[in-house]
Amino acid sequence: MAKIVISEQMHKEAVESLEQEFDVIFDASLWKSPNRLAENLGSADALIVRNSTQVDSEILNASPQLRVIGRLGVGLDNIDLNMCSERGITVCPATGANAISVAEYVITTALVLLRGAYFATDQVIGGTWPRYELIGRELNGKTLGIIGFGSIGQQVGMLAKAMHLEVITYDPLPPKDDSLAQVVRRVNFDQVISQSDIVTLHVPLTSETSNLINAATISKMRKGAIFINTSRGGIVDEQALIDALISGHLAGAAIDVFKDEPLDGNSGGRFVNAPNLILTPHISGVTEESNARVSFVTAENVRRILIDPL
């Protein structure tokens, strides 16, 4: 019987579906201890992870029988893809399974940041009643720039069009499904940056995208623009973003991912003085519904490789 190790949280029913056919070790804390994880991988045929498990050379060397890695999500920067390729290990992301959750996060945070009135609870309770100070902006009619137009970017685009935004996109690789070709405008990277009222990132962290959003890039954004990042922290120069918020060049930002996660007293302290900023702990793609979808898609991906690799 093939053995599967699951090192992070996975939907209970998806785990149970795998237990019916395979020997499953499910310990959502294994990612915290590479030594314990390595000990469990000696005879494993499959490994299922989220983004916290670092599948590096040490882990892969401890897994001589490994045939497949199921990724509960889409980002693959925590997995040594070159070594997996050399070893013939199939890596299966749950492409598209969390797209709706991320898209709803993007639209929600854009609404909150533009309107500006949703942070006034304490003032209203206290009787300050800052009615005219909190007149914000509408989402309707704004230009949304999407950098990266894969499954998540396309879902963002569909929601944005339904809310009457102008959508412009940049992606060096045209999507396989071009069903939105008639309702979005494809432009180059600099045009997305300079022509958008809201800029949202949906690209993987690679050598090409590392530090893609930096002080020079931000300076080209419209004054008063909103910036949203749900992709990977290393794509953004966090200090440059903070400086742009403090200076008022950017009117707001929502950041769900960070270069170093989780934040600590030092790394998190830099964000304290930045105004109109929403920070969330890498959860834009994690809802009850998406967790179930991602888990079942991943379970089926792993099952397919173990049962019928061809």
C-alpha atoms as a PDB file:
ATOM      1  CA  MET A   1       0.000   0.000   0.000  1.00  0.00           C
ATOM      2  CA  ALA A   2       1.377   3.402  -1.010  1.00  0.00           C
ATOM      3  CA  LYS A   3       2.209   5.816   1.800  1.00  0.00           C
ATOM      4  CA  ILE A   4       1.170   9.479   1.889  1.00  0.00           C
ATOM      5  CA  VAL A   5       2.529  12.051   4.360  1.00  0.00           C
ATOM      6  CA  ILE A   6       0.489  15.225   4.940  1.00  0.00           C
ATOM      7  CA  SER A   7       2.521  17.880   6.752  1.00  0.00           C
ATOM      8  CA  GLU A   8      -0.007  20.728   7.011  1.00  0.00           C
ATOM      9  CA  GLN A   9      -3.709  21.338   7.490  1.00  0.00           C
ATOM     10  CA  MET A  10      -6.032  19.559   5.045  1.00  0.00           C
ATOM     11  CA  HIS A  11      -9.808  19.156   4.937  1.00  0.00           C
ATOM     12  CA  LYS A  12     -10.838  16.210   7.100  1.00  0.00           C
ATOM     13  CA  GLU A  13     -13.048  14.520   4.507  1.00  0.00           C
ATOM     14  CA  ALA A  14     -10.340  14.765   1.842  1.00  0.00           C
ATOM     15  CA  VAL A  15      -7.898  13.076   4.217  1.00  0.00           C
ATOM     16  CA  GLU A  16     -10.453  10.365   4.950  1.00  0.00           C
ATOM     17  CA  SER A  17     -10.921   9.743   1.232  1.00  0.00           C
ATOM     18  CA  LEU A  18      -7.202   9.058   0.907  1.00  0.00           C
ATOM     19  CA  GLU A  19      -7.179   6.825   3.988  1.00  0.00           C
ATOM     20  CA  GLN A  20      -9.560   4.451   2.230  1.00  0.00           C
ATOM     21  CA  GLU A  21      -6.878   3.544  -0.325  1.00  0.00           C
ATOM     22  CA  PHE A  22      -3.505   4.500   1.137  1.00  0.00           C
ATOM     23  CA  ASP A  23      -1.427   4.446   4.292  1.00  0.00           C
ATOM     24  CA  VAL A  24      -1.787   8.073   5.424  1.00  0.00           C
ATOM     25  CA  ILE A  25       0.241   9.940   8.041  1.00  0.00           C
ATOM     26  CA  PHE A  26      -1.554  13.225   8.752  1.00  0.00           C
ATOM     27  CA  ASP A  27       0.166  15.601  11.165  1.00  0.00           C
ATOM     28  CA  ALA A  28      -0.488  19.290  10.529  1.00  0.00           C
ATOM     29  CA  SER A  29       2.498  20.262  12.680  1.00  0.00           C
ATOM     30  CA  LEU A  30       5.124  18.242  10.790  1.00  0.00           C
ATOM     31  CA  TRP A  31       6.184  21.304   8.774  1.00  0.00           C
ATOM     32  CA  LYS A  32       7.493  22.875  11.991  1.00  0.00           C
ATOM     33  CA  SER A  33      10.123  20.126  12.416  1.00  0.00           C
ATOM     34  CA  PRO A  34      12.131  19.187   9.325  1.00  0.00           C
ATOM     35  CA  ASN A  35      13.753  16.346  11.271  1.00  0.00           C
ATOM     36  CA  ARG A  36      10.409  14.775  12.182  1.00  0.00           C
ATOM     37  CA  LEU A  37       9.168  15.269   8.658  1.00  0.00           C
ATOM     38  CA  ALA A  38      12.265  13.609   7.204  1.00  0.00           C
ATOM     39  CA  GLU A  39      11.840  10.650   9.567  1.00  0.00           C
ATOM     40  CA  ASN A  40       8.326  10.066   8.204  1.00  0.00           C
ATOM     41  CA  LEU A  41       9.333  10.348   4.566  1.00  0.00           C
ATOM     42  CA  GLY A  42      11.773   7.440   4.358  1.00  0.00           C
ATOM     43  CA  SER A  43       9.168   5.107   2.853  1.00  0.00           C
ATOM     44  CA  ALA A  44       6.687   7.708   1.573  1.00  0.00           C
ATOM     45  CA  ASP A  45       5.374   7.679  -1.985  1.00  0.00           C
ATOM     46  CA  ALA A  46       3.614  11.036  -1.725  1.00  0.00           C
ATOM     47  CA  LEU A  47       3.886  14.271   0.260  1.00  0.00           C
ATOM     48  CA  ILE A  48       1.098  16.840   0.602  1.00  0.00           C
ATOM     49  CA  VAL A  49       2.026  20.366   1.724  1.00  0.00           C
ATOM     50  CA  ARG A  50       0.850  23.950   1.886  1.00  0.00           C
ATOM     51  CA  ASN A  51       3.275  26.861   1.710  1.00  0.00           C
ATOM     52  CA  SER A  52       4.971  26.449   5.102  1.00  0.00           C
ATOM     53  CA  THR A  53       6.690  23.119   4.408  1.00  0.00           C
ATOM     54  CA  GLN A  54      10.099  23.754   2.848  1.00  0.00           C
ATOM     55  CA  VAL A  55      10.597  20.896   0.409  1.00  0.00           C
ATOM     56  CA  ASP A  56      14.327  21.421  -0.061  1.00  0.00           C
ATOM     57  CA  SER A  57      17.194  19.097  -0.914  1.00  0.00           C
ATOM     58  CA  GLU A  58      17.397  17.827   2.671  1.00  0.00           C
ATOM     59  CA  ILE A  59      13.758  16.755   2.660  1.00  0.00           C
ATOM     60  CA  LEU A  60      13.947  15.308  -0.838  1.00  0.00           C
ATOM     61  CA  ASN A  61      17.113  13.345  -0.018  1.00  0.00           C
ATOM     62  CA  ALA A  62      15.232  11.838   2.916  1.00  0.00           C
ATOM     63  CA  SER A  63      12.475  10.685   0.532  1.00  0.00           C
ATOM     64  CA  PRO A  64      14.006   8.078  -1.801  1.00  0.00           C
ATOM     65  CA  GLN A  65      10.625   6.628  -2.843  1.00  0.00           C
ATOM     66  CA  LEU A  66       8.774   9.900  -3.337  1.00  0.00           C
ATOM     67  CA  ARG A  67       6.746  10.004  -6.561  1.00  0.00           C
ATOM     68  CA  VAL A  68       4.418  12.960  -6.160  1.00  0.00           C
ATOM     69  CA  ILE A  69       4.065  16.187  -4.166  1.00  0.00           C
ATOM     70  CA  GLY A  70       0.566  17.596  -3.820  1.00  0.00           C
ATOM     71  CA  ARG A  71       0.474  21.337  -3.176  1.00  0.00           C
ATOM     72  CA  LEU A  72      -2.556  22.601  -1.240  1.00  0.00           C
ATOM     73  CA  GLY A  73      -2.536  25.860  -3.183  1.00  0.00           C
ATOM     74  CA  VAL A  74      -0.747  27.193  -6.234  1.00  0.00           C
ATOM     75  CA  GLY A  75       2.564  28.792  -5.196  1.00  0.00           C
ATOM     76  CA  LEU A  76       5.557  26.499  -5.658  1.00  0.00           C
ATOM     77  CA  ASP A  77       8.418  28.633  -4.334  1.00  0.00           C
ATOM     78  CA  ASN A  78       8.703  26.427  -1.227  1.00  0.00           C
ATOM     79  CA  ILE A  79       9.473  23.365  -3.381  1.00  0.00           C
ATOM     80  CA  ASP A  80      12.806  22.635  -5.080  1.00  0.00           C
ATOM     81  CA  LEU A  81      11.337  22.126  -8.531  1.00  0.00           C
ATOM     82  CA  ASN A  82      14.694  21.486 -10.215  1.00  0.00           C
ATOM     83  CA  MET A  83      15.511  18.617  -7.893  1.00  0.00           C
ATOM     84  CA  CYS A  84      11.992  17.225  -8.258  1.00  0.00           C
ATOM     85  CA  SER A  85      12.407  17.278 -12.031  1.00  0.00           C
ATOM     86  CA  GLU A  86      15.753  15.501 -11.794  1.00  0.00           C
ATOM     87  CA  ARG A  87      14.213  12.852  -9.557  1.00  0.00           C
ATOM     88  CA  GLY A  88      11.091  12.423 -11.699  1.00  0.00           C
ATOM     89  CA  ILE A  89       8.832  13.597  -8.882  1.00  0.00           C
ATOM     90  CA  THR A  90       5.525  15.035 -10.119  1.00  0.00           C
ATOM     91  CA  VAL A  91       4.474  18.311  -8.451  1.00  0.00           C
ATOM     92  CA  CYS A  92       0.719  18.982  -8.538  1.00  0.00           C
ATOM     93  CA  PRO A  93      -0.615  22.418  -7.541  1.00  0.00           C
ATOM     94  CA  ALA A  94      -4.347  22.858  -6.964  1.00  0.00           C
ATOM     95  CA  THR A  95      -4.631  25.308  -9.844  1.00  0.00           C
ATOM     96  CA  GLY A  96      -7.801  27.388  -9.761  1.00  0.00           C
ATOM     97  CA  ALA A  97      -9.247  25.841  -6.611  1.00  0.00           C
ATOM     98  CA  ASN A  98      -8.789  28.971  -4.483  1.00  0.00           C
ATOM     99  CA  ALA A  99      -9.265  31.551  -7.256  1.00  0.00           C
ATOM    100  CA  ILE A 100     -12.712  32.690  -6.089  1.00  0.00           C
ATOM    101  CA  SER A 101     -11.493  33.285  -2.524  1.00  0.00           C
ATOM    102  CA  VAL A 102      -8.533  35.374  -3.674  1.00  0.00           C
ATOM    103  CA  ALA A 103     -10.656  37.343  -6.126  1.00  0.00           C
ATOM    104  CA  GLU A 104     -13.216  38.174  -3.443  1.00  0.00           C
ATOM    105  CA  TYR A 105     -10.387  39.313  -1.154  1.00  0.00           C
ATOM    106  CA  VAL A 106      -9.062  41.652  -3.847  1.00  0.00           C
ATOM    107  CA  ILE A 107     -12.442  43.247  -4.547  1.00  0.00           C
ATOM    108  CA  THR A 108     -13.307  43.498  -0.848  1.00  0.00           C
ATOM    109  CA  THR A 109     -10.058  45.191   0.148  1.00  0.00           C
ATOM    110  CA  ALA A 110     -10.281  47.547  -2.834  1.00  0.00           C
ATOM    111  CA  LEU A 111     -13.758  48.606  -1.700  1.00  0.00           C
ATOM    112  CA  VAL A 112     -12.640  49.092   1.902  1.00  0.00           C
ATOM    113  CA  LEU A 113      -9.527  51.065   1.021  1.00  0.00           C
ATOM    114  CA  LEU A 114     -11.267  53.345  -1.480  1.00  0.00           C
ATOM    115  CA  ARG A 115     -14.272  54.082   0.721  1.00  0.00           C
ATOM    116  CA  GLY A 116     -12.215  54.634   3.876  1.00  0.00           C
ATOM    117  CA  ALA A 117     -15.211  54.730   6.196  1.00  0.00           C
ATOM    118  CA  TYR A 118     -14.943  51.236   7.620  1.00  0.00           C
ATOM    119  CA  PHE A 119     -12.216  52.084  10.134  1.00  0.00           C
ATOM    120  CA  ALA A 120     -14.377  54.607  12.022  1.00  0.00           C
ATOM    121  CA  THR A 121     -16.132  52.355  14.543  1.00  0.00           C
ATOM    122  CA  ASP A 122     -14.331  53.749  17.603  1.00  0.00           C
ATOM    123  CA  GLN A 123     -14.916  57.347  16.490  1.00  0.00           C
ATOM    124  CA  VAL A 124     -18.619  56.740  15.898  1.00  0.00           C
ATOM    125  CA  ILE A 125     -19.018  55.043  19.279  1.00  0.00           C
ATOM    126  CA  GLY A 126     -17.182  57.936  20.919  1.00  0.00           C
ATOM    127  CA  GLY A 127     -19.461  60.533  19.364  1.00  0.00           C
ATOM    128  CA  THR A 128     -16.836  62.143  17.126  1.00  0.00           C
ATOM    129  CA  TRP A 129     -19.079  61.502  14.105  1.00  0.00           C
ATOM    130  CA  PRO A 130     -16.479  62.246  11.373  1.00  0.00           C
ATOM    131  CA  ARG A 131     -19.023  62.191   8.567  1.00  0.00           C
ATOM    132  CA  TYR A 132     -17.406  64.609   6.150  1.00  0.00           C
ATOM    133  CA  GLU A 133     -13.839  63.550   6.897  1.00  0.00           C
ATOM    134  CA  LEU A 134     -14.679  60.033   5.711  1.00  0.00           C
ATOM    135  CA  ILE A 135     -16.103  60.774   2.279  1.00  0.00           C
ATOM    136  CA  GLY A 136     -14.278  58.210   0.159  1.00  0.00           C
ATOM    137  CA  ARG A 137     -14.271  57.057  -3.440  1.00  0.00           C
ATOM    138  CA  GLU A 138     -16.376  54.595  -5.420  1.00  0.00           C
ATOM    139  CA  LEU A 139     -15.051  51.443  -7.030  1.00  0.00           C
ATOM    140  CA  ASN A 140     -17.381  51.966  -9.984  1.00  0.00           C
ATOM    141  CA  GLY A 141     -15.589  53.288 -13.065  1.00  0.00           C
ATOM    142  CA  LYS A 142     -12.067  52.858 -11.703  1.00  0.00           C
ATOM    143  CA  THR A 143      -9.314  51.141 -13.680  1.00  0.00           C
ATOM    144  CA  LEU A 144      -8.078  47.875 -12.217  1.00  0.00           C
ATOM    145  CA  GLY A 145      -4.659  46.696 -13.357  1.00  0.00           C
ATOM    146  CA  ILE A 146      -4.011  42.963 -13.008  1.00  0.00           C
ATOM    147  CA  ILE A 147      -0.392  41.775 -13.184  1.00  0.00           C
ATOM    148  CA  GLY A 148      -0.544  38.057 -13.936  1.00  0.00           C
ATOM    149  CA  PHE A 149      -3.626  36.776 -15.743  1.00  0.00           C
ATOM    150  CA  GLY A 150      -3.792  33.099 -14.859  1.00  0.00           C
ATOM    151  CA  SER A 151      -6.771  31.450 -13.188  1.00  0.00           C
ATOM    152  CA  ILE A 152      -6.783  33.844 -10.215  1.00  0.00           C
ATOM    153  CA  GLY A 153      -6.183  36.969 -12.269  1.00  0.00           C
ATOM    154  CA  GLN A 154      -9.012  35.995 -14.615  1.00  0.00           C
ATOM    155  CA  GLN A 155     -11.393  35.446 -11.703  1.00  0.00           C
ATOM    156  CA  VAL A 156     -10.483  38.895 -10.368  1.00  0.00           C
ATOM    157  CA  GLY A 157     -11.149  40.300 -13.826  1.00  0.00           C
ATOM    158  CA  MET A 158     -14.598  38.710 -14.040  1.00  0.00           C
ATOM    159  CA  LEU A 159     -15.680  40.089 -10.661  1.00  0.00           C
ATOM    160  CA  ALA A 160     -14.244  43.490 -11.512  1.00  0.00           C
ATOM    161  CA  LYS A 161     -16.138  43.698 -14.806  1.00  0.00           C
ATOM    162  CA  ALA A 162     -19.356  42.772 -13.005  1.00  0.00           C
ATOM    163  CA  MET A 163     -18.757  45.801 -10.758  1.00  0.00           C
ATOM    164  CA  HIS A 164     -18.223  48.107 -13.741  1.00  0.00           C
ATOM    165  CA  LEU A 165     -14.461  48.551 -13.533  1.00  0.00           C
ATOM    166  CA  GLU A 166     -12.226  49.038 -16.525  1.00  0.00           C
ATOM    167  CA  VAL A 167      -9.816  46.088 -16.480  1.00  0.00           C
ATOM    168  CA  ILE A 168      -6.335  46.144 -17.965  1.00  0.00           C
ATOM    169  CA  THR A 169      -3.952  43.216 -17.669  1.00  0.00           C
ATOM    170  CA  TYR A 170      -0.340  42.268 -18.204  1.00  0.00           C
ATOM    171  CA  ASP A 171       0.987  38.744 -18.502  1.00  0.00           C
ATOM    172  CA  PRO A 172       3.923  37.714 -20.720  1.00  0.00           C
ATOM    173  CA  LEU A 173       2.201  34.377 -21.334  1.00  0.00           C
ATOM    174  CA  PRO A 174      -1.270  34.514 -22.900  1.00  0.00           C
ATOM    175  CA  PRO A 175      -3.790  32.377 -20.973  1.00  0.00           C
ATOM    176  CA  LYS A 176      -4.944  29.091 -22.456  1.00  0.00           C
ATOM    177  CA  ASP A 177      -8.523  30.152 -21.846  1.00  0.00           C
ATOM    178  CA  ASP A 178      -8.942  33.551 -23.483  1.00  0.00           C
ATOM    179  CA  SER A 179     -12.667  33.883 -22.793  1.00  0.00           C
ATOM    180  CA  LEU A 180     -12.142  37.363 -21.322  1.00  0.00           C
ATOM    181  CA  ALA A 181     -10.362  38.670 -24.417  1.00  0.00           C
ATOM    182  CA  GLN A 182     -13.319  40.863 -25.390  1.00  0.00           C
ATOM    183  CA  VAL A 183     -13.840  42.463 -21.969  1.00  0.00           C
ATOM    184  CA  VAL A 184     -10.313  43.233 -20.739  1.00  0.00           C
ATOM    185  CA  ARG A 185      -7.570  45.251 -22.368  1.00  0.00           C
ATOM    186  CA  ARG A 186      -4.094  43.731 -22.578  1.00  0.00           C
ATOM    187  CA  VAL A 187      -1.267  46.223 -22.160  1.00  0.00           C
ATOM    188  CA  ASN A 188       2.410  46.169 -21.217  1.00  0.00           C
ATOM    189  CA  PHE A 189       3.751  46.191 -17.668  1.00  0.00           C
ATOM    190  CA  ASP A 190       4.489  49.931 -17.517  1.00  0.00           C
ATOM    191  CA  GLN A 191       0.993  50.732 -18.759  1.00  0.00           C
ATOM    192  CA  VAL A 192      -0.620  48.608 -16.047  1.00  0.00           C
ATOM    193  CA  ILE A 193       1.488  50.380 -13.439  1.00  0.00           C
ATOM    194  CA  SER A 194       0.886  53.914 -14.710  1.00  0.00           C
ATOM    195  CA  GLN A 195      -2.745  53.731 -15.859  1.00  0.00           C
ATOM    196  CA  SER A 196      -4.414  51.884 -12.955  1.00  0.00           C
ATOM    197  CA  ASP A 197      -6.308  53.232  -9.970  1.00  0.00           C
ATOM    198  CA  ILE A 198      -5.879  49.810  -8.340  1.00  0.00           C
ATOM    199  CA  VAL A 199      -2.971  47.445  -9.005  1.00  0.00           C
ATOM    200  CA  THR A 200      -3.205  43.799  -7.960  1.00  0.00           C
ATOM    201  CA  LEU A 201      -0.477  41.134  -8.215  1.00  0.00           C
ATOM    202  CA  HIS A 202      -1.082  37.517  -9.279  1.00  0.00           C
ATOM    203  CA  VAL A 203       2.315  36.193 -10.350  1.00  0.00           C
ATOM    204  CA  PRO A 204       4.639  33.556  -8.851  1.00  0.00           C
ATOM    205  CA  LEU A 205       7.878  34.451  -7.080  1.00  0.00           C
ATOM    206  CA  THR A 206      10.718  33.782  -9.519  1.00  0.00           C
ATOM    207  CA  SER A 207      14.089  35.343 -10.297  1.00  0.00           C
ATOM    208  CA  GLU A 208      12.268  37.543 -12.843  1.00  0.00           C
ATOM    209  CA  THR A 209       9.533  38.741 -10.456  1.00  0.00           C
ATOM    210  CA  SER A 210      11.650  39.153  -7.314  1.00  0.00           C
ATOM    211  CA  ASN A 211      11.452  42.792  -6.181  1.00  0.00           C
ATOM    212  CA  LEU A 212       9.302  43.569  -9.231  1.00  0.00           C
ATOM    213  CA  ILE A 213       7.426  46.220  -7.258  1.00  0.00           C
ATOM    214  CA  ASN A 214      10.098  48.562  -5.944  1.00  0.00           C
ATOM    215  CA  ALA A 215      10.589  52.295  -5.332  1.00  0.00           C
ATOM    216  CA  ALA A 216      11.026  53.009  -9.048  1.00  0.00           C
ATOM    217  CA  THR A 217       7.937  50.985  -9.983  1.00  0.00           C
ATOM    218  CA  ILE A 218       5.803  52.584  -7.277  1.00  0.00           C
ATOM    219  CA  SER A 219       6.869  56.083  -8.354  1.00  0.00           C
ATOM    220  CA  LYS A 220       5.228  55.382 -11.743  1.00  0.00           C
ATOM    221  CA  MET A 221       1.877  54.533 -10.150  1.00  0.00           C
ATOM    222  CA  ARG A 222      -0.873  57.124 -10.129  1.00  0.00           C
ATOM    223  CA  LYS A 223      -0.906  59.354  -7.071  1.00  0.00           C
ATOM    224  CA  GLY A 224      -3.730  58.055  -4.909  1.00  0.00           C
ATOM    225  CA  ALA A 225      -3.606  54.528  -6.351  1.00  0.00           C
ATOM    226  CA  ILE A 226      -4.403  51.422  -4.297  1.00  0.00           C
ATOM    227  CA  PHE A 227      -2.026  48.442  -4.260  1.00  0.00           C
ATOM    228  CA  ILE A 228      -2.964  44.836  -3.387  1.00  0.00           C
ATOM    229  CA  ASN A 229      -0.633  41.843  -3.099  1.00  0.00           C
ATOM    230  CA  THR A 230      -1.932  38.310  -2.605  1.00  0.00           C
ATOM    231  CA  SER A 231       0.831  36.519  -4.537  1.00  0.00           C
ATOM    232  CA  ARG A 232       4.204  36.406  -2.742  1.00  0.00           C
ATOM    233  CA  GLY A 233       5.978  38.850  -0.450  1.00  0.00           C
ATOM    234  CA  GLY A 234       9.359  38.713  -2.165  1.00  0.00           C
ATOM    235  CA  ILE A 235       7.845  40.363  -5.232  1.00  0.00           C
ATOM    236  CA  VAL A 236       7.431  43.652  -3.348  1.00  0.00           C
ATOM    237  CA  ASP A 237       9.982  45.931  -1.696  1.00  0.00           C
ATOM    238  CA  GLU A 238       8.056  46.309   1.554  1.00  0.00           C
ATOM    239  CA  GLN A 239       9.928  49.388   2.762  1.00  0.00           C
ATOM    240  CA  ALA A 240       9.350  51.175  -0.547  1.00  0.00           C
ATOM    241  CA  LEU A 241       5.637  50.420  -0.210  1.00  0.00           C
ATOM    242  CA  ILE A 242       5.558  51.730   3.362  1.00  0.00           C
ATOM    243  CA  ASP A 243       7.365  54.915   2.287  1.00  0.00           C
ATOM    244  CA  ALA A 244       4.832  55.475  -0.517  1.00  0.00           C
ATOM    245  CA  LEU A 245       1.919  55.140   1.912  1.00  0.00           C
ATOM    246  CA  ILE A 246       3.477  57.497   4.440  1.00  0.00           C
ATOM    247  CA  SER A 247       4.287  60.082   1.770  1.00  0.00           C
ATOM    248  CA  GLY A 248       0.735  59.894   0.427  1.00  0.00           C
ATOM    249  CA  HIS A 249       1.773  58.834  -3.060  1.00  0.00           C
ATOM    250  CA  LEU A 250      -0.286  55.661  -2.575  1.00  0.00           C
ATOM    251  CA  ALA A 251      -3.699  56.055  -0.959  1.00  0.00           C
ATOM    252  CA  GLY A 252      -3.808  52.554   0.489  1.00  0.00           C
ATOM    253  CA  ALA A 253      -2.622  48.970   0.310  1.00  0.00           C
ATOM    254  CA  ALA A 254      -3.730  45.473   1.255  1.00  0.00           C
ATOM    255  CA  ILE A 255      -0.905  43.007   1.864  1.00  0.00           C
ATOM    256  CA  ASP A 256      -1.600  39.328   2.504  1.00  0.00           C
ATOM    257  CA  VAL A 257       1.911  37.967   1.897  1.00  0.00           C
ATOM    258  CA  PHE A 258       5.318  38.979   3.194  1.00  0.00           C
ATOM    259  CA  LYS A 259       8.959  38.361   2.413  1.00  0.00           C
ATOM    260  CA  ASP A 260       9.405  36.679   5.800  1.00  0.00           C
ATOM    261  CA  GLU A 261       6.428  34.937   7.345  1.00  0.00           C
ATOM    262  CA  PRO A 262       5.177  35.209   9.983  1.00  0.00           C
ATOM    263  CA  LEU A 263       6.024  38.817  10.836  1.00  0.00           C
ATOM    264  CA  ASP A 264       7.723  39.424  14.169  1.00  0.00           C
ATOM    265  CA  GLY A 265       8.275  42.493  16.336  1.00  0.00           C
ATOM    266  CA  ASN A 266      11.032  43.791  14.090  1.00  0.00           C
ATOM    267  CA  SER A 267       9.635  43.049  10.635  1.00  0.00           C
ATOM    268  CA  GLY A 268       6.078  43.912  11.623  1.00  0.00           C
ATOM    269  CA  GLY A 269       7.003  47.117  13.395  1.00  0.00           C
ATOM    270  CA  ARG A 270       7.908  48.781  10.114  1.00  0.00           C
ATOM    271  CA  PHE A 271       4.244  48.797   9.067  1.00  0.00           C
ATOM    272  CA  VAL A 272       2.888  50.521  12.191  1.00  0.00           C
ATOM    273  CA  ASN A 273       2.985  54.102  10.909  1.00  0.00           C
ATOM    274  CA  ALA A 274       1.712  53.354   7.392  1.00  0.00           C
ATOM    275  CA  PRO A 275      -1.817  54.761   6.893  1.00  0.00           C
ATOM    276  CA  ASN A 276      -4.795  53.067   5.209  1.00  0.00           C
ATOM    277  CA  LEU A 277      -3.094  49.693   5.295  1.00  0.00           C
ATOM    278  CA  ILE A 278      -4.719  46.266   5.602  1.00  0.00           C
ATOM    279  CA  LEU A 279      -2.442  43.396   6.663  1.00  0.00           C
ATOM    280  CA  THR A 280      -3.666  39.791   6.738  1.00  0.00           C
ATOM    281  CA  PRO A 281      -1.774  36.559   7.566  1.00  0.00           C
ATOM    282  CA  HIS A 282      -1.569  34.863   4.130  1.00  0.00           C
ATOM    283  CA  ILE A 283      -5.253  33.950   4.085  1.00  0.00           C
ATOM    284  CA  SER A 284      -6.629  35.522   0.910  1.00  0.00           C
ATOM    285  CA  GLY A 285      -7.014  32.106  -0.695  1.00  0.00           C
ATOM    286  CA  VAL A 286      -8.185  30.310   2.446  1.00  0.00           C
ATOM    287  CA  THR A 287     -11.897  30.153   3.164  1.00  0.00           C
ATOM    288  CA  GLU A 288     -14.022  27.239   4.338  1.00  0.00           C
ATOM    289  CA  GLU A 289     -15.147  26.640   0.775  1.00  0.00           C
ATOM    290  CA  SER A 290     -11.752  26.993  -0.889  1.00  0.00           C
ATOM    291  CA  ASN A 291     -10.089  24.814   1.740  1.00  0.00           C
ATOM    292  CA  ALA A 292     -12.455  22.011   0.800  1.00  0.00           C
ATOM    293  CA  ARG A 293     -11.937  22.534  -2.945  1.00  0.00           C
ATOM    294  CA  VAL A 294      -8.151  22.731  -2.650  1.00  0.00           C
ATOM    295  CA  SER A 295      -8.030  19.638  -0.443  1.00  0.00           C
ATOM    296  CA  PHE A 296     -10.183  17.472  -2.699  1.00  0.00           C
ATOM    297  CA  VAL A 297      -8.393  18.615  -5.873  1.00  0.00           C
ATOM    298  CA  THR A 298      -5.040  17.827  -4.252  1.00  0.00           C
ATOM    299  CA  ALA A 299      -6.240  14.460  -2.996  1.00  0.00           C
ATOM    300  CA  GLU A 300      -7.408  13.532  -6.489  1.00  0.00           C
ATOM    301  CA  ASN A 301      -4.141  14.751  -8.069  1.00  0.00           C
ATOM    302  CA  VAL A 302      -2.083  12.605  -5.711  1.00  0.00           C
ATOM    303  CA  ARG A 303      -4.388   9.622  -6.060  1.00  0.00           C
ATOM    304  CA  ARG A 304      -4.179   9.795  -9.857  1.00  0.00           C
ATOM    305  CA  ILE A 305      -0.374   9.763  -9.862  1.00  0.00           C
ATOM    306  CA  LEU A 306      -0.137   6.935  -7.346  1.00  0.00           C
ATOM    307  CA  ILE A 307      -2.767   4.778  -9.064  1.00  0.00           C
ATOM    308  CA  ASP A 308      -2.072   5.566 -12.703  1.00  0.00           C
ATOM    309  CA  PRO A 309       1.072   7.710 -13.207  1.00  0.00           C
ATOM    310  CA  LEU A 310       0.646   7.665 -16.995  1.00  0.00           C
END
